[in-house]
């Protein structure tokens, strides 16, 4: 659990637009590798989505075409 807290603390200090970019990059990277998400990627995505949700960001809109 301390890994998640460390990620949360680190990411929470960044501006929202940077968090959106990071999440988008992770998601697109996973799409290019046929959805092969590592445990580490899953942790990062979980924390990023949580923080963005707390900040009122509609994460689904990031991936709309």
N, C-alpha and C. Protein backbone atom coordinates (compact mmCIF):
# COMPACT_ATOMS: atom_id res chain seq x y z
N UNK A 1 0.83 -1.20 0.00
CA UNK A 1 0.00 0.00 0.00
C UNK A 1 0.87 1.26 0.00
N UNK A 2 2.07 1.16 0.55
CA UNK A 2 2.92 2.35 0.59
C UNK A 2 3.33 2.78 -0.82
N UNK A 3 3.42 1.83 -1.76
CA UNK A 3 3.73 2.19 -3.14
C UNK A 3 2.64 3.09 -3.71
N UNK A 4 1.39 2.73 -3.44
CA UNK A 4 0.26 3.53 -3.93
C UNK A 4 0.29 4.91 -3.28
N UNK A 5 0.56 4.98 -1.99
CA UNK A 5 0.61 6.27 -1.31
C UNK A 5 1.74 7.13 -1.87
N UNK A 6 2.89 6.53 -2.12
CA UNK A 6 4.01 7.28 -2.69
C UNK A 6 3.65 7.82 -4.08
N UNK A 7 3.02 6.98 -4.89
CA UNK A 7 2.58 7.43 -6.21
C UNK A 7 1.58 8.57 -6.08
N UNK A 8 0.63 8.39 -5.17
CA UNK A 8 -0.40 9.41 -4.96
C UNK A 8 0.24 10.74 -4.57
N UNK A 9 1.13 10.71 -3.62
CA UNK A 9 1.78 11.94 -3.16
C UNK A 9 2.57 12.59 -4.28
N UNK A 10 3.28 11.78 -5.05
CA UNK A 10 4.09 12.32 -6.14
C UNK A 10 3.22 12.93 -7.24
N UNK A 11 2.20 12.19 -7.65
CA UNK A 11 1.35 12.69 -8.73
C UNK A 11 0.46 13.85 -8.28
N UNK A 12 0.05 13.85 -7.05
CA UNK A 12 -0.88 14.88 -6.57
C UNK A 12 -0.25 16.28 -6.59
N UNK A 13 1.06 16.34 -6.62
CA UNK A 13 1.73 17.65 -6.66
C UNK A 13 1.81 18.22 -8.08
N UNK A 14 1.45 17.43 -9.08
CA UNK A 14 1.53 17.87 -10.47
C UNK A 14 0.25 18.56 -10.92
N UNK A 15 0.37 19.45 -11.89
CA UNK A 15 -0.83 20.09 -12.45
C UNK A 15 -1.73 19.07 -13.15
N UNK A 16 -3.01 19.37 -13.20
CA UNK A 16 -3.99 18.46 -13.79
C UNK A 16 -3.67 18.11 -15.23
N UNK A 17 -3.27 19.11 -16.03
CA UNK A 17 -3.01 18.82 -17.44
C UNK A 17 -1.85 17.84 -17.62
N UNK A 18 -0.86 17.88 -16.74
CA UNK A 18 0.24 16.92 -16.81
C UNK A 18 -0.25 15.52 -16.45
N UNK A 19 -1.12 15.43 -15.46
CA UNK A 19 -1.67 14.13 -15.08
C UNK A 19 -2.48 13.55 -16.22
N UNK A 20 -3.26 14.38 -16.90
CA UNK A 20 -4.03 13.92 -18.05
C UNK A 20 -3.10 13.38 -19.13
N UNK A 21 -2.02 14.10 -19.39
CA UNK A 21 -1.06 13.67 -20.41
C UNK A 21 -0.40 12.34 -20.04
N UNK A 22 -0.03 12.20 -18.79
CA UNK A 22 0.62 10.97 -18.34
C UNK A 22 -0.34 9.79 -18.48
N UNK A 23 -1.58 9.96 -18.03
CA UNK A 23 -2.55 8.88 -18.13
C UNK A 23 -2.80 8.52 -19.59
N UNK A 24 -2.93 9.52 -20.43
CA UNK A 24 -3.16 9.28 -21.86
C UNK A 24 -1.98 8.49 -22.46
N UNK A 25 -0.76 8.89 -22.12
CA UNK A 25 0.42 8.18 -22.64
C UNK A 25 0.47 6.73 -22.19
N UNK A 26 0.14 6.49 -20.93
CA UNK A 26 0.13 5.10 -20.42
C UNK A 26 -0.93 4.29 -21.15
N UNK A 27 -2.12 4.86 -21.31
CA UNK A 27 -3.21 4.15 -21.98
C UNK A 27 -2.86 3.85 -23.44
N UNK A 28 -2.28 4.82 -24.14
CA UNK A 28 -1.94 4.63 -25.54
C UNK A 28 -0.80 3.62 -25.69
N UNK A 29 0.13 3.64 -24.76
CA UNK A 29 1.22 2.66 -24.77
C UNK A 29 0.66 1.25 -24.62
N UNK A 30 -0.31 1.10 -23.72
CA UNK A 30 -0.93 -0.21 -23.51
C UNK A 30 -1.68 -0.65 -24.76
N UNK A 31 -2.32 0.31 -25.43
CA UNK A 31 -3.06 -0.03 -26.65
C UNK A 31 -2.11 -0.50 -27.74
N UNK A 32 -0.95 0.11 -27.82
CA UNK A 32 0.03 -0.28 -28.85
C UNK A 32 0.65 -1.64 -28.58
N UNK A 33 0.66 -2.05 -27.33
CA UNK A 33 1.21 -3.36 -26.98
C UNK A 33 0.09 -4.38 -26.78
N UNK A 34 -1.01 -4.15 -27.46
CA UNK A 34 -2.17 -5.05 -27.43
C UNK A 34 -2.74 -5.23 -26.03
N UNK A 35 -2.72 -4.15 -25.26
CA UNK A 35 -3.35 -4.18 -23.95
C UNK A 35 -2.59 -4.93 -22.88
N UNK A 36 -1.33 -5.16 -23.10
CA UNK A 36 -0.54 -5.89 -22.11
C UNK A 36 -0.06 -4.93 -21.03
N UNK A 37 -0.90 -4.72 -20.02
CA UNK A 37 -0.58 -3.81 -18.93
C UNK A 37 0.19 -4.55 -17.85
N UNK A 38 1.27 -3.95 -17.42
CA UNK A 38 2.01 -4.53 -16.31
C UNK A 38 1.36 -4.11 -15.00
N UNK A 39 1.73 -4.76 -13.95
CA UNK A 39 1.22 -4.42 -12.62
C UNK A 39 1.55 -2.97 -12.29
N UNK A 40 2.75 -2.55 -12.65
CA UNK A 40 3.17 -1.17 -12.38
C UNK A 40 2.31 -0.18 -13.14
N UNK A 41 2.04 -0.46 -14.42
CA UNK A 41 1.17 0.43 -15.20
C UNK A 41 -0.21 0.51 -14.57
N UNK A 42 -0.71 -0.60 -14.11
CA UNK A 42 -2.03 -0.62 -13.47
C UNK A 42 -2.05 0.26 -12.23
N UNK A 43 -0.98 0.18 -11.44
CA UNK A 43 -0.90 1.02 -10.24
C UNK A 43 -0.92 2.50 -10.61
N UNK A 44 -0.12 2.87 -11.59
CA UNK A 44 -0.05 4.26 -12.00
C UNK A 44 -1.40 4.73 -12.53
N UNK A 45 -2.03 3.93 -13.36
CA UNK A 45 -3.34 4.31 -13.91
C UNK A 45 -4.37 4.47 -12.81
N UNK A 46 -4.35 3.58 -11.83
CA UNK A 46 -5.30 3.65 -10.73
C UNK A 46 -5.15 4.96 -9.97
N UNK A 47 -3.91 5.32 -9.65
CA UNK A 47 -3.66 6.54 -8.89
C UNK A 47 -4.00 7.77 -9.72
N UNK A 48 -3.60 7.78 -10.98
CA UNK A 48 -3.89 8.92 -11.84
C UNK A 48 -5.39 9.13 -11.98
N UNK A 49 -6.12 8.06 -12.23
CA UNK A 49 -7.58 8.16 -12.36
C UNK A 49 -8.21 8.67 -11.07
N UNK A 50 -7.72 8.20 -9.92
CA UNK A 50 -8.26 8.63 -8.64
C UNK A 50 -8.06 10.14 -8.44
N UNK A 51 -6.85 10.61 -8.69
CA UNK A 51 -6.56 12.03 -8.49
C UNK A 51 -7.37 12.88 -9.46
N UNK A 52 -7.42 12.46 -10.73
CA UNK A 52 -8.17 13.24 -11.71
C UNK A 52 -9.66 13.28 -11.35
N UNK A 53 -10.18 12.16 -10.87
CA UNK A 53 -11.59 12.13 -10.45
C UNK A 53 -11.80 13.10 -9.28
N UNK A 54 -10.88 13.09 -8.32
CA UNK A 54 -10.97 14.01 -7.18
C UNK A 54 -10.94 15.47 -7.63
N UNK A 55 -10.26 15.73 -8.74
CA UNK A 55 -10.17 17.09 -9.27
C UNK A 55 -11.32 17.42 -10.22
N UNK A 56 -12.25 16.49 -10.37
CA UNK A 56 -13.43 16.75 -11.18
C UNK A 56 -13.24 16.56 -12.67
N UNK A 57 -12.21 15.82 -13.07
CA UNK A 57 -11.95 15.59 -14.48
C UNK A 57 -12.72 14.35 -14.95
N UNK A 58 -13.37 14.48 -16.09
CA UNK A 58 -14.04 13.34 -16.72
C UNK A 58 -12.98 12.58 -17.53
N UNK A 59 -12.43 11.54 -16.94
CA UNK A 59 -11.34 10.79 -17.56
C UNK A 59 -11.75 10.20 -18.90
N UNK A 60 -13.00 9.82 -19.06
CA UNK A 60 -13.45 9.21 -20.31
C UNK A 60 -13.33 10.18 -21.48
N UNK A 61 -13.45 11.47 -21.22
CA UNK A 61 -13.37 12.43 -22.32
C UNK A 61 -11.96 12.50 -22.89
N UNK A 62 -10.96 12.08 -22.13
CA UNK A 62 -9.58 12.09 -22.62
C UNK A 62 -9.40 11.13 -23.80
N UNK A 63 -10.25 10.13 -23.87
CA UNK A 63 -10.07 9.08 -24.86
C UNK A 63 -11.14 9.11 -25.95
N UNK A 64 -11.93 10.18 -25.98
CA UNK A 64 -12.95 10.31 -27.02
C UNK A 64 -12.27 10.74 -28.32
N UNK A 65 -12.78 10.20 -29.40
CA UNK A 65 -12.22 10.54 -30.72
C UNK A 65 -12.96 11.70 -31.32
